[in-house]
């Protein structure tokens, strides 16, 4: 289960040609970082990307991990995503 959570985290920047330019990815990242988005709301937003109970549990643990982080950590993660989106290795359309 922890490995699936790590893969979810690692896959976020690679979806939709590595980020920026893909509104779906940007919306999911915002929901991941938003402390006002509850676990059930997050699971609902991710339902198109989950297949089975194990995936749903991984998504729940993934969101819960972010809910337990400080605002500073969430801000730093958001900044990291922006750096990745703007890197020379990402395709910006």
PDB file of N, CA and C in Angstrom:
ATOM      1  N   UNK A   1       0.825  -1.187   0.000  1.00  0.00           N
ATOM      2  CA  UNK A   1       0.000   0.000   0.000  1.00  0.00           C
ATOM      3  C   UNK A   1       0.872   1.255   0.000  1.00  0.00           C
ATOM      4  N   UNK A   2       1.950   1.238   0.795  1.00  0.00           N
ATOM      5  CA  UNK A   2       2.824   2.403   0.831  1.00  0.00           C
ATOM      6  C   UNK A   2       3.497   2.617  -0.520  1.00  0.00           C
ATOM      7  N   UNK A   3       3.829   1.537  -1.198  1.00  0.00           N
ATOM      8  CA  UNK A   3       4.452   1.655  -2.507  1.00  0.00           C
ATOM      9  C   UNK A   3       3.499   2.303  -3.505  1.00  0.00           C
ATOM     10  N   UNK A   4       2.232   1.940  -3.449  1.00  0.00           N
ATOM     11  CA  UNK A   4       1.241   2.547  -4.336  1.00  0.00           C
ATOM     12  C   UNK A   4       1.108   4.039  -4.047  1.00  0.00           C
ATOM     13  N   UNK A   5       1.172   4.411  -2.774  1.00  0.00           N
ATOM     14  CA  UNK A   5       1.114   5.819  -2.399  1.00  0.00           C
ATOM     15  C   UNK A   5       2.303   6.571  -2.975  1.00  0.00           C
ATOM     16  N   UNK A   6       3.475   5.972  -2.897  1.00  0.00           N
ATOM     17  CA  UNK A   6       4.677   6.598  -3.456  1.00  0.00           C
ATOM     18  C   UNK A   6       4.528   6.752  -4.964  1.00  0.00           C
ATOM     19  N   UNK A   7       3.989   5.741  -5.634  1.00  0.00           N
ATOM     20  CA  UNK A   7       3.795   5.826  -7.074  1.00  0.00           C
ATOM     21  C   UNK A   7       2.792   6.918  -7.438  1.00  0.00           C
ATOM     22  N   UNK A   8       1.748   7.082  -6.633  1.00  0.00           N
ATOM     23  CA  UNK A   8       0.796   8.163  -6.883  1.00  0.00           C
ATOM     24  C   UNK A   8       1.495   9.510  -6.817  1.00  0.00           C
ATOM     25  N   UNK A   9       2.307   9.692  -5.786  1.00  0.00           N
ATOM     26  CA  UNK A   9       3.029  10.946  -5.620  1.00  0.00           C
ATOM     27  C   UNK A   9       4.003  11.167  -6.773  1.00  0.00           C
ATOM     28  N   UNK A  10       4.704  10.118  -7.165  1.00  0.00           N
ATOM     29  CA  UNK A  10       5.687  10.239  -8.242  1.00  0.00           C
ATOM     30  C   UNK A  10       5.029  10.461  -9.594  1.00  0.00           C
ATOM     31  N   UNK A  11       3.831   9.938  -9.782  1.00  0.00           N
ATOM     32  CA  UNK A  11       3.177  10.029 -11.089  1.00  0.00           C
ATOM     33  C   UNK A  11       2.520  11.376 -11.334  1.00  0.00           C
ATOM     34  N   UNK A  12       2.194  12.112 -10.301  1.00  0.00           N
ATOM     35  CA  UNK A  12       1.488  13.384 -10.492  1.00  0.00           C
ATOM     36  C   UNK A  12       2.177  14.312 -11.490  1.00  0.00           C
ATOM     37  N   UNK A  13       3.478  14.542 -11.375  1.00  0.00           N
ATOM     38  CA  UNK A  13       4.085  15.488 -12.307  1.00  0.00           C
ATOM     39  C   UNK A  13       4.190  14.970 -13.744  1.00  0.00           C
ATOM     40  N   UNK A  14       4.091  13.670 -13.939  1.00  0.00           N
ATOM     41  CA  UNK A  14       4.263  13.104 -15.273  1.00  0.00           C
ATOM     42  C   UNK A  14       2.958  12.977 -16.048  1.00  0.00           C
ATOM     43  N   UNK A  15       1.844  13.163 -15.396  1.00  0.00           N
ATOM     44  CA  UNK A  15       0.562  13.097 -16.089  1.00  0.00           C
ATOM     45  C   UNK A  15       0.432  14.301 -17.009  1.00  0.00           C
ATOM     46  N   UNK A  16      -0.237  14.102 -18.124  1.00  0.00           N
ATOM     47  CA  UNK A  16      -0.549  15.211 -19.025  1.00  0.00           C
ATOM     48  C   UNK A  16       0.687  15.996 -19.428  1.00  0.00           C
ATOM     49  N   UNK A  17       1.694  15.337 -19.942  1.00  0.00           N
ATOM     50  CA  UNK A  17       2.916  15.985 -20.414  1.00  0.00           C
ATOM     51  C   UNK A  17       3.576  16.822 -19.333  1.00  0.00           C
ATOM     52  N   UNK A  18       3.690  16.256 -18.174  1.00  0.00           N
ATOM     53  CA  UNK A  18       4.443  16.830 -17.063  1.00  0.00           C
ATOM     54  C   UNK A  18       3.867  18.102 -16.487  1.00  0.00           C
ATOM     55  N   UNK A  19       2.582  18.220 -16.471  1.00  0.00           N
ATOM     56  CA  UNK A  19       2.023  19.268 -15.653  1.00  0.00           C
ATOM     57  C   UNK A  19       1.443  20.449 -16.368  1.00  0.00           C
ATOM     58  N   UNK A  20       2.017  21.611 -16.125  1.00  0.00           N
ATOM     59  CA  UNK A  20       1.451  22.865 -16.574  1.00  0.00           C
ATOM     60  C   UNK A  20       0.943  22.754 -18.010  1.00  0.00           C
ATOM     61  N   UNK A  21      -0.257  23.195 -18.200  1.00  0.00           N
ATOM     62  CA  UNK A  21      -0.897  23.033 -19.489  1.00  0.00           C
ATOM     63  C   UNK A  21      -1.983  21.975 -19.438  1.00  0.00           C
ATOM     64  N   UNK A  22      -2.023  21.242 -18.355  1.00  0.00           N
ATOM     65  CA  UNK A  22      -3.052  20.222 -18.165  1.00  0.00           C
ATOM     66  C   UNK A  22      -3.889  20.632 -16.957  1.00  0.00           C
ATOM     67  N   UNK A  23      -5.030  21.185 -17.223  1.00  0.00           N
ATOM     68  CA  UNK A  23      -5.874  21.701 -16.144  1.00  0.00           C
ATOM     69  C   UNK A  23      -6.304  20.613 -15.173  1.00  0.00           C
ATOM     70  N   UNK A  24      -6.539  19.415 -15.677  1.00  0.00           N
ATOM     71  CA  UNK A  24      -6.945  18.313 -14.809  1.00  0.00           C
ATOM     72  C   UNK A  24      -5.875  18.034 -13.757  1.00  0.00           C
ATOM     73  N   UNK A  25      -4.632  17.944 -14.180  1.00  0.00           N
ATOM     74  CA  UNK A  25      -3.547  17.703 -13.242  1.00  0.00           C
ATOM     75  C   UNK A  25      -3.414  18.844 -12.248  1.00  0.00           C
ATOM     76  N   UNK A  26      -3.459  20.055 -12.733  1.00  0.00           N
ATOM     77  CA  UNK A  26      -3.316  21.212 -11.845  1.00  0.00           C
ATOM     78  C   UNK A  26      -4.440  21.253 -10.810  1.00  0.00           C
ATOM     79  N   UNK A  27      -5.659  20.909 -11.219  1.00  0.00           N
ATOM     80  CA  UNK A  27      -6.787  20.870 -10.281  1.00  0.00           C
ATOM     81  C   UNK A  27      -6.589  19.789  -9.224  1.00  0.00           C
ATOM     82  N   UNK A  28      -6.097  18.610  -9.634  1.00  0.00           N
ATOM     83  CA  UNK A  28      -5.873  17.533  -8.675  1.00  0.00           C
ATOM     84  C   UNK A  28      -4.760  17.884  -7.694  1.00  0.00           C
ATOM     85  N   UNK A  29      -3.719  18.553  -8.168  1.00  0.00           N
ATOM     86  CA  UNK A  29      -2.642  18.976  -7.268  1.00  0.00           C
ATOM     87  C   UNK A  29      -3.181  19.986  -6.266  1.00  0.00           C
ATOM     88  N   UNK A  30      -3.997  20.929  -6.738  1.00  0.00           N
ATOM     89  CA  UNK A  30      -4.586  21.920  -5.832  1.00  0.00           C
ATOM     90  C   UNK A  30      -5.459  21.241  -4.776  1.00  0.00           C
ATOM     91  N   UNK A  31      -6.247  20.249  -5.186  1.00  0.00           N
ATOM     92  CA  UNK A  31      -7.091  19.530  -4.227  1.00  0.00           C
ATOM     93  C   UNK A  31      -6.248  18.715  -3.262  1.00  0.00           C
ATOM     94  N   UNK A  32      -5.133  18.210  -3.735  1.00  0.00           N
ATOM     95  CA  UNK A  32      -4.236  17.450  -2.868  1.00  0.00           C
ATOM     96  C   UNK A  32      -3.673  18.350  -1.774  1.00  0.00           C
ATOM     97  N   UNK A  33      -3.329  19.574  -2.134  1.00  0.00           N
ATOM     98  CA  UNK A  33      -2.697  20.501  -1.193  1.00  0.00           C
ATOM     99  C   UNK A  33      -3.696  21.284  -0.348  1.00  0.00           C
ATOM    100  N   UNK A  34      -4.947  21.307  -0.730  1.00  0.00           N
ATOM    101  CA  UNK A  34      -5.965  22.102  -0.039  1.00  0.00           C
ATOM    102  C   UNK A  34      -6.441  21.386   1.221  1.00  0.00           C
ATOM    103  N   UNK A  35      -6.201  22.023   2.364  1.00  0.00           N
ATOM    104  CA  UNK A  35      -6.617  21.435   3.645  1.00  0.00           C
ATOM    105  C   UNK A  35      -8.130  21.436   3.820  1.00  0.00           C
ATOM    106  N   UNK A  36      -8.844  22.235   3.020  1.00  0.00           N
ATOM    107  CA  UNK A  36     -10.305  22.292   3.110  1.00  0.00           C
ATOM    108  C   UNK A  36     -10.988  21.169   2.330  1.00  0.00           C
ATOM    109  N   UNK A  37     -10.237  20.446   1.511  1.00  0.00           N
ATOM    110  CA  UNK A  37     -10.796  19.319   0.758  1.00  0.00           C
ATOM    111  C   UNK A  37     -10.701  18.076   1.637  1.00  0.00           C
ATOM    112  N   UNK A  38     -11.843  17.510   1.968  1.00  0.00           N
ATOM    113  CA  UNK A  38     -11.879  16.338   2.847  1.00  0.00           C
ATOM    114  C   UNK A  38     -11.471  15.086   2.078  1.00  0.00           C
ATOM    115  N   UNK A  39     -11.185  14.038   2.824  1.00  0.00           N
ATOM    116  CA  UNK A  39     -10.817  12.758   2.209  1.00  0.00           C
ATOM    117  C   UNK A  39     -11.936  12.240   1.307  1.00  0.00           C
ATOM    118  N   UNK A  40     -13.201  12.238   1.743  1.00  0.00           N
ATOM    119  CA  UNK A  40     -14.269  11.774   0.833  1.00  0.00           C
ATOM    120  C   UNK A  40     -14.385  12.622  -0.440  1.00  0.00           C
ATOM    121  N   UNK A  41     -14.220  13.942  -0.308  1.00  0.00           N
ATOM    122  CA  UNK A  41     -14.271  14.804  -1.493  1.00  0.00           C
ATOM    123  C   UNK A  41     -13.114  14.493  -2.430  1.00  0.00           C
ATOM    124  N   UNK A  42     -11.945  14.251  -1.866  1.00  0.00           N
ATOM    125  CA  UNK A  42     -10.765  13.930  -2.670  1.00  0.00           C
ATOM    126  C   UNK A  42     -10.938  12.582  -3.374  1.00  0.00           C
ATOM    127  N   UNK A  43     -11.463  11.603  -2.642  1.00  0.00           N
ATOM    128  CA  UNK A  43     -11.715  10.295  -3.252  1.00  0.00           C
ATOM    129  C   UNK A  43     -12.708  10.426  -4.402  1.00  0.00           C
ATOM    130  N   UNK A  44     -13.699  11.278  -4.240  1.00  0.00           N
ATOM    131  CA  UNK A  44     -14.679  11.510  -5.294  1.00  0.00           C
ATOM    132  C   UNK A  44     -14.011  12.138  -6.521  1.00  0.00           C
ATOM    133  N   UNK A  45     -13.112  13.085  -6.294  1.00  0.00           N
ATOM    134  CA  UNK A  45     -12.407  13.734  -7.406  1.00  0.00           C
ATOM    135  C   UNK A  45     -11.493  12.760  -8.141  1.00  0.00           C
ATOM    136  N   UNK A  46     -10.993  11.760  -7.427  1.00  0.00           N
ATOM    137  CA  UNK A  46     -10.055  10.804  -8.001  1.00  0.00           C
ATOM    138  C   UNK A  46     -10.735   9.528  -8.507  1.00  0.00           C
ATOM    139  N   UNK A  47     -12.053   9.450  -8.428  1.00  0.00           N
ATOM    140  CA  UNK A  47     -12.747   8.199  -8.744  1.00  0.00           C
ATOM    141  C   UNK A  47     -12.523   7.723 -10.173  1.00  0.00           C
ATOM    142  N   UNK A  48     -12.306   8.631 -11.117  1.00  0.00           N
ATOM    143  CA  UNK A  48     -12.057   8.215 -12.499  1.00  0.00           C
ATOM    144  C   UNK A  48     -10.694   7.546 -12.667  1.00  0.00           C
ATOM    145  N   UNK A  49      -9.827   7.717 -11.687  1.00  0.00           N
ATOM    146  CA  UNK A  49      -8.469   7.194 -11.774  1.00  0.00           C
ATOM    147  C   UNK A  49      -8.223   6.011 -10.852  1.00  0.00           C
ATOM    148  N   UNK A  50      -9.254   5.565 -10.170  1.00  0.00           N
ATOM    149  CA  UNK A  50      -9.108   4.433  -9.256  1.00  0.00           C
ATOM    150  C   UNK A  50      -9.910   3.254  -9.769  1.00  0.00           C
ATOM    151  N   UNK A  51      -9.353   2.083  -9.540  1.00  0.00           N
ATOM    152  CA  UNK A  51     -10.010   0.861  -9.986  1.00  0.00           C
ATOM    153  C   UNK A  51      -9.886  -0.165  -8.870  1.00  0.00           C
ATOM    154  N   UNK A  52     -10.885  -0.243  -8.059  1.00  0.00           N
ATOM    155  CA  UNK A  52     -10.875  -1.217  -6.983  1.00  0.00           C
ATOM    156  C   UNK A  52     -10.619  -0.600  -5.626  1.00  0.00           C
ATOM    157  N   UNK A  53     -10.817  -1.425  -4.635  1.00  0.00           N
ATOM    158  CA  UNK A  53     -10.724  -0.969  -3.244  1.00  0.00           C
ATOM    159  C   UNK A  53      -9.301  -0.594  -2.842  1.00  0.00           C
ATOM    160  N   UNK A  54      -8.315  -1.310  -3.351  1.00  0.00           N
ATOM    161  CA  UNK A  54      -6.923  -0.997  -2.997  1.00  0.00           C
ATOM    162  C   UNK A  54      -6.530   0.392  -3.496  1.00  0.00           C
ATOM    163  N   UNK A  55      -6.949   0.722  -4.694  1.00  0.00           N
ATOM    164  CA  UNK A  55      -6.658   2.056  -5.221  1.00  0.00           C
ATOM    165  C   UNK A  55      -7.346   3.131  -4.386  1.00  0.00           C
ATOM    166  N   UNK A  56      -8.590   2.887  -4.035  1.00  0.00           N
ATOM    167  CA  UNK A  56      -9.331   3.859  -3.232  1.00  0.00           C
ATOM    168  C   UNK A  56      -8.692   4.046  -1.861  1.00  0.00           C
ATOM    169  N   UNK A  57      -8.210   2.958  -1.270  1.00  0.00           N
ATOM    170  CA  UNK A  57      -7.524   3.060   0.017  1.00  0.00           C
ATOM    171  C   UNK A  57      -6.216   3.831  -0.117  1.00  0.00           C
ATOM    172  N   UNK A  58      -5.501   3.609  -1.224  1.00  0.00           N
ATOM    173  CA  UNK A  58      -4.247   4.325  -1.458  1.00  0.00           C
ATOM    174  C   UNK A  58      -4.505   5.822  -1.623  1.00  0.00           C
ATOM    175  N   UNK A  59      -5.555   6.182  -2.348  1.00  0.00           N
ATOM    176  CA  UNK A  59      -5.916   7.588  -2.521  1.00  0.00           C
ATOM    177  C   UNK A  59      -6.277   8.204  -1.172  1.00  0.00           C
ATOM    178  N   UNK A  60      -7.004   7.459  -0.356  1.00  0.00           N
ATOM    179  CA  UNK A  60      -7.371   7.947   0.977  1.00  0.00           C
ATOM    180  C   UNK A  60      -6.131   8.190   1.830  1.00  0.00           C
ATOM    181  N   UNK A  61      -5.198   7.247   1.839  1.00  0.00           N
ATOM    182  CA  UNK A  61      -3.958   7.414   2.606  1.00  0.00           C
ATOM    183  C   UNK A  61      -3.122   8.564   2.058  1.00  0.00           C
ATOM    184  N   UNK A  62      -3.101   8.700   0.735  1.00  0.00           N
ATOM    185  CA  UNK A  62      -2.350   9.770   0.085  1.00  0.00           C
ATOM    186  C   UNK A  62      -2.861  11.132   0.551  1.00  0.00           C
ATOM    187  N   UNK A  63      -4.166  11.335   0.508  1.00  0.00           N
ATOM    188  CA  UNK A  63      -4.745  12.613   0.931  1.00  0.00           C
ATOM    189  C   UNK A  63      -4.533  12.830   2.424  1.00  0.00           C
ATOM    190  N   UNK A  64      -4.700  11.778   3.206  1.00  0.00           N
ATOM    191  CA  UNK A  64      -4.518  11.904   4.652  1.00  0.00           C
ATOM    192  C   UNK A  64      -3.089  12.319   4.979  1.00  0.00           C
ATOM    193  N   UNK A  65      -2.141  11.839   4.210  1.00  0.00           N
ATOM    194  CA  UNK A  65      -0.743  12.223   4.393  1.00  0.00           C
ATOM    195  C   UNK A  65      -0.584  13.734   4.225  1.00  0.00           C
ATOM    196  N   UNK A  66      -1.223  14.288   3.206  1.00  0.00           N
ATOM    197  CA  UNK A  66      -1.128  15.732   2.989  1.00  0.00           C
ATOM    198  C   UNK A  66      -1.897  16.514   4.043  1.00  0.00           C
ATOM    199  N   UNK A  67      -2.989  15.961   4.537  1.00  0.00           N
ATOM    200  CA  UNK A  67      -3.753  16.661   5.580  1.00  0.00           C
ATOM    201  C   UNK A  67      -2.966  16.776   6.885  1.00  0.00           C
ATOM    202  N   UNK A  68      -2.027  15.878   7.086  1.00  0.00           N
ATOM    203  CA  UNK A  68      -1.251  15.900   8.340  1.00  0.00           C
ATOM    204  C   UNK A  68       0.024  16.738   8.235  1.00  0.00           C
ATOM    205  N   UNK A  69       0.232  17.385   7.090  1.00  0.00           N
ATOM    206  CA  UNK A  69       1.428  18.210   6.901  1.00  0.00           C
ATOM    207  C   UNK A  69       1.168  19.653   7.335  1.00  0.00           C
ATOM    208  N   UNK A  70       2.254  20.352   7.631  1.00  0.00           N
ATOM    209  CA  UNK A  70       2.134  21.771   7.985  1.00  0.00           C
ATOM    210  C   UNK A  70       1.856  22.591   6.731  1.00  0.00           C
ATOM    211  N   UNK A  71       1.363  23.804   6.934  1.00  0.00           N
ATOM    212  CA  UNK A  71       1.106  24.693   5.796  1.00  0.00           C
ATOM    213  C   UNK A  71       2.407  25.011   5.062  1.00  0.00           C
ATOM    214  N   UNK A  72       3.497  25.117   5.801  1.00  0.00           N
ATOM    215  CA  UNK A  72       4.795  25.393   5.179  1.00  0.00           C
ATOM    216  C   UNK A  72       5.191  24.252   4.227  1.00  0.00           C
ATOM    217  N   UNK A  73       4.995  23.020   4.662  1.00  0.00           N
ATOM    218  CA  UNK A  73       5.326  21.871   3.823  1.00  0.00           C
ATOM    219  C   UNK A  73       4.455  21.848   2.574  1.00  0.00           C
ATOM    220  N   UNK A  74       3.167  22.136   2.736  1.00  0.00           N
ATOM    221  CA  UNK A  74       2.263  22.162   1.583  1.00  0.00           C
ATOM    222  C   UNK A  74       2.644  23.266   0.602  1.00  0.00           C
ATOM    223  N   UNK A  75       3.029  24.421   1.127  1.00  0.00           N
ATOM    224  CA  UNK A  75       3.487  25.523   0.272  1.00  0.00           C
ATOM    225  C   UNK A  75       4.740  25.117  -0.479  1.00  0.00           C
ATOM    226  N   UNK A  76       5.673  24.490   0.231  1.00  0.00           N
ATOM    227  CA  UNK A  76       6.914  24.043  -0.417  1.00  0.00           C
ATOM    228  C   UNK A  76       6.634  23.001  -1.501  1.00  0.00           C
ATOM    229  N   UNK A  77       5.688  22.105  -1.249  1.00  0.00           N
ATOM    230  CA  UNK A  77       5.328  21.109  -2.258  1.00  0.00           C
ATOM    231  C   UNK A  77       4.732  21.787  -3.486  1.00  0.00           C
ATOM    232  N   UNK A  78       3.851  22.746  -3.265  1.00  0.00           N
ATOM    233  CA  UNK A  78       3.269  23.502  -4.379  1.00  0.00           C
ATOM    234  C   UNK A  78       4.335  24.229  -5.180  1.00  0.00           C
ATOM    235  N   UNK A  79       5.299  24.810  -4.478  1.00  0.00           N
ATOM    236  CA  UNK A  79       6.407  25.482  -5.159  1.00  0.00           C
ATOM    237  C   UNK A  79       7.232  24.489  -5.966  1.00  0.00           C
ATOM    238  N   UNK A  80       7.460  23.306  -5.409  1.00  0.00           N
ATOM    239  CA  UNK A  80       8.207  22.278  -6.121  1.00  0.00           C
ATOM    240  C   UNK A  80       7.481  21.887  -7.408  1.00  0.00           C
ATOM    241  N   UNK A  81       6.160  21.767  -7.333  1.00  0.00           N
ATOM    242  CA  UNK A  81       5.397  21.410  -8.529  1.00  0.00           C
ATOM    243  C   UNK A  81       5.556  22.493  -9.600  1.00  0.00           C
ATOM    244  N   UNK A  82       5.531  23.751  -9.206  1.00  0.00           N
ATOM    245  CA  UNK A  82       5.701  24.836 -10.167  1.00  0.00           C
ATOM    246  C   UNK A  82       7.093  24.799 -10.798  1.00  0.00           C
ATOM    247  N   UNK A  83       8.102  24.500 -10.010  1.00  0.00           N
ATOM    248  CA  UNK A  83       9.464  24.378 -10.535  1.00  0.00           C
ATOM    249  C   UNK A  83       9.527  23.242 -11.545  1.00  0.00           C
ATOM    250  N   UNK A  84       8.878  22.140 -11.232  1.00  0.00           N
ATOM    251  CA  UNK A  84       8.870  21.007 -12.156  1.00  0.00           C
ATOM    252  C   UNK A  84       8.130  21.365 -13.441  1.00  0.00           C
ATOM    253  N   UNK A  85       6.989  22.043 -13.311  1.00  0.00           N
ATOM    254  CA  UNK A  85       6.224  22.437 -14.490  1.00  0.00           C
ATOM    255  C   UNK A  85       7.061  23.322 -15.404  1.00  0.00           C
ATOM    256  N   UNK A  86       7.868  24.182 -14.813  1.00  0.00           N
ATOM    257  CA  UNK A  86       8.626  25.165 -15.576  1.00  0.00           C
ATOM    258  C   UNK A  86      10.026  24.701 -15.956  1.00  0.00           C
ATOM    259  N   UNK A  87      10.370  23.467 -15.624  1.00  0.00           N
ATOM    260  CA  UNK A  87      11.713  22.998 -15.933  1.00  0.00           C
ATOM    261  C   UNK A  87      11.872  22.750 -17.427  1.00  0.00           C
ATOM    262  N   UNK A  88      13.106  22.727 -17.885  1.00  0.00           N
ATOM    263  CA  UNK A  88      13.369  22.520 -19.302  1.00  0.00           C
ATOM    264  C   UNK A  88      13.042  21.094 -19.739  1.00  0.00           C
ATOM    265  N   UNK A  89      12.826  20.194 -18.786  1.00  0.00           N
ATOM    266  CA  UNK A  89      12.524  18.809 -19.110  1.00  0.00           C
ATOM    267  C   UNK A  89      11.037  18.550 -19.311  1.00  0.00           C
ATOM    268  N   UNK A  90      10.216  19.536 -19.013  1.00  0.00           N
ATOM    269  CA  UNK A  90       8.770  19.376 -19.172  1.00  0.00           C
ATOM    270  C   UNK A  90       8.328  19.961 -20.498  1.00  0.00           C
ATOM    271  N   UNK A  91       7.317  19.344 -21.060  1.00  0.00           N
ATOM    272  CA  UNK A  91       6.764  19.827 -22.319  1.00  0.00           C
ATOM    273  C   UNK A  91       5.692  20.843 -21.988  1.00  0.00           C
ATOM    274  N   UNK A  92       5.845  22.055 -22.421  1.00  0.00           N
ATOM    275  CA  UNK A  92       4.820  23.080 -22.223  1.00  0.00           C
ATOM    276  C   UNK A  92       4.200  23.392 -23.569  1.00  0.00           C
ATOM    277  N   UNK A  93       2.925  23.144 -23.680  1.00  0.00           N
ATOM    278  CA  UNK A  93       2.224  23.388 -24.951  1.00  0.00           C
ATOM    279  C   UNK A  93       1.555  24.728 -24.930  1.00  0.00           C
TER     280      UNK A  93
END
